């Protein structure tokens, strides 16, 4: 198992048609079998650090 810290961005809905949507940067630690499985965490990955 490989542990990795994944930093990604997520689009947050403004909640009203007159409010703009905005991007939030989030991170989480994931355990995967192969390095390529990290791609399934999010579509907008910014940074990956193997722990």
N, C-alpha and C. Protein backbone atom coordinates (compact mmCIF):
# COMPACT_ATOMS: atom_id res chain seq x y z
N UNK A 1 0.84 -1.18 0.00
CA UNK A 1 0.00 0.00 0.00
C UNK A 1 0.89 1.25 0.00
N UNK A 2 0.45 2.22 -0.72
CA UNK A 2 1.16 3.49 -0.83
C UNK A 2 0.28 4.57 -0.22
N UNK A 3 0.87 5.36 0.68
CA UNK A 3 0.15 6.50 1.25
C UNK A 3 0.62 7.76 0.54
N UNK A 4 -0.34 8.63 0.21
CA UNK A 4 0.01 9.86 -0.50
C UNK A 4 -0.87 11.00 -0.01
N UNK A 5 -0.29 12.18 0.05
CA UNK A 5 -1.03 13.40 0.34
C UNK A 5 -1.40 14.01 -1.00
N UNK A 6 -2.69 14.16 -1.24
CA UNK A 6 -3.18 14.67 -2.51
C UNK A 6 -3.82 16.04 -2.28
N UNK A 7 -3.31 17.05 -2.97
CA UNK A 7 -3.88 18.39 -2.92
C UNK A 7 -4.64 18.61 -4.22
N UNK A 8 -5.92 18.99 -4.10
CA UNK A 8 -6.75 19.15 -5.28
C UNK A 8 -7.66 20.35 -5.10
N UNK A 9 -8.26 20.80 -6.19
CA UNK A 9 -9.21 21.91 -6.10
C UNK A 9 -10.60 21.41 -6.46
N UNK A 10 -11.59 22.03 -5.80
CA UNK A 10 -12.98 21.62 -5.98
C UNK A 10 -13.83 22.85 -6.22
N UNK A 11 -14.75 22.78 -7.17
CA UNK A 11 -15.64 23.89 -7.48
C UNK A 11 -16.81 23.90 -6.51
N UNK A 12 -17.03 25.06 -5.88
CA UNK A 12 -18.12 25.21 -4.92
C UNK A 12 -19.18 26.09 -5.56
N UNK A 13 -20.42 25.62 -5.52
CA UNK A 13 -21.55 26.35 -6.09
C UNK A 13 -21.83 27.59 -5.26
N UNK A 14 -22.11 28.71 -5.90
CA UNK A 14 -22.41 29.95 -5.21
C UNK A 14 -23.73 29.93 -4.46
N UNK A 15 -24.62 29.04 -4.81
CA UNK A 15 -25.88 28.90 -4.09
C UNK A 15 -27.02 29.74 -4.64
N UNK A 16 -26.71 30.64 -5.54
CA UNK A 16 -27.73 31.51 -6.13
C UNK A 16 -27.26 31.88 -7.53
N UNK A 17 -28.16 32.04 -8.49
CA UNK A 17 -27.73 32.36 -9.86
C UNK A 17 -26.94 33.67 -9.98
N UNK A 18 -27.12 34.59 -9.07
CA UNK A 18 -26.39 35.86 -9.14
C UNK A 18 -25.03 35.81 -8.46
N UNK A 19 -24.74 34.73 -7.72
CA UNK A 19 -23.46 34.58 -7.05
C UNK A 19 -22.54 33.73 -7.90
N UNK A 20 -21.26 34.09 -7.91
CA UNK A 20 -20.27 33.35 -8.68
C UNK A 20 -19.87 32.07 -7.95
N UNK A 21 -19.55 31.03 -8.74
CA UNK A 21 -18.97 29.82 -8.20
C UNK A 21 -17.49 30.12 -7.92
N UNK A 22 -16.88 29.37 -7.02
CA UNK A 22 -15.47 29.61 -6.71
C UNK A 22 -14.78 28.28 -6.43
N UNK A 23 -13.44 28.30 -6.58
CA UNK A 23 -12.62 27.11 -6.37
C UNK A 23 -12.07 27.11 -4.95
N UNK A 24 -12.07 25.93 -4.32
CA UNK A 24 -11.51 25.75 -2.99
C UNK A 24 -10.42 24.69 -3.08
N UNK A 25 -9.30 24.95 -2.42
CA UNK A 25 -8.20 23.99 -2.41
C UNK A 25 -8.38 23.07 -1.20
N UNK A 26 -8.37 21.77 -1.44
CA UNK A 26 -8.54 20.77 -0.38
C UNK A 26 -7.41 19.76 -0.46
N UNK A 27 -7.23 19.01 0.62
CA UNK A 27 -6.22 17.96 0.62
C UNK A 27 -6.71 16.79 1.45
N UNK A 28 -6.18 15.62 1.15
CA UNK A 28 -6.49 14.43 1.94
C UNK A 28 -5.39 13.40 1.74
N UNK A 29 -5.29 12.51 2.70
CA UNK A 29 -4.33 11.42 2.63
C UNK A 29 -5.08 10.19 2.16
N UNK A 30 -4.54 9.55 1.12
CA UNK A 30 -5.19 8.36 0.56
C UNK A 30 -4.21 7.20 0.57
N UNK A 31 -4.75 6.00 0.66
CA UNK A 31 -3.97 4.77 0.54
C UNK A 31 -4.39 4.05 -0.72
N UNK A 32 -3.43 3.79 -1.59
CA UNK A 32 -3.74 3.14 -2.86
C UNK A 32 -2.77 1.98 -3.10
N UNK A 33 -3.17 1.09 -3.98
CA UNK A 33 -2.32 -0.05 -4.34
C UNK A 33 -1.23 0.37 -5.33
N UNK A 34 -1.64 1.15 -6.36
CA UNK A 34 -0.70 1.60 -7.38
C UNK A 34 -0.77 3.12 -7.46
N UNK A 35 0.29 3.74 -7.97
CA UNK A 35 0.33 5.19 -8.10
C UNK A 35 -0.75 5.73 -9.03
N UNK A 36 -1.11 4.95 -10.03
CA UNK A 36 -2.11 5.41 -11.00
C UNK A 36 -3.51 5.48 -10.41
N UNK A 37 -3.75 4.80 -9.28
CA UNK A 37 -5.05 4.86 -8.62
C UNK A 37 -5.31 6.22 -7.99
N UNK A 38 -4.28 7.03 -7.79
CA UNK A 38 -4.44 8.37 -7.22
C UNK A 38 -5.28 9.24 -8.15
N UNK A 39 -5.25 8.98 -9.44
CA UNK A 39 -6.02 9.77 -10.40
C UNK A 39 -7.52 9.67 -10.17
N UNK A 40 -7.98 8.63 -9.47
CA UNK A 40 -9.40 8.45 -9.23
C UNK A 40 -9.92 9.33 -8.09
N UNK A 41 -9.01 10.00 -7.36
CA UNK A 41 -9.41 10.83 -6.22
C UNK A 41 -10.15 12.08 -6.70
N UNK A 42 -9.59 12.76 -7.69
CA UNK A 42 -10.19 14.00 -8.18
C UNK A 42 -9.73 14.25 -9.61
N UNK A 43 -10.50 15.09 -10.32
CA UNK A 43 -10.11 15.46 -11.68
C UNK A 43 -9.14 16.64 -11.70
N UNK A 44 -9.10 17.41 -10.62
CA UNK A 44 -8.32 18.65 -10.60
C UNK A 44 -7.21 18.57 -9.55
N UNK A 45 -6.29 17.62 -9.71
CA UNK A 45 -5.19 17.43 -8.76
C UNK A 45 -4.13 18.50 -9.00
N UNK A 46 -3.70 19.14 -7.90
CA UNK A 46 -2.67 20.18 -7.98
C UNK A 46 -1.30 19.61 -7.65
N UNK A 47 -1.23 18.81 -6.57
CA UNK A 47 0.06 18.32 -6.11
C UNK A 47 -0.12 16.96 -5.43
N UNK A 48 0.89 16.10 -5.55
CA UNK A 48 0.89 14.79 -4.91
C UNK A 48 2.24 14.61 -4.20
N UNK A 49 2.18 14.18 -2.93
CA UNK A 49 3.39 13.87 -2.19
C UNK A 49 3.26 12.47 -1.63
N UNK A 50 4.21 11.61 -1.97
CA UNK A 50 4.22 10.22 -1.47
C UNK A 50 4.78 10.26 -0.05
N UNK A 51 4.06 9.63 0.88
CA UNK A 51 4.49 9.63 2.28
C UNK A 51 5.24 8.36 2.63
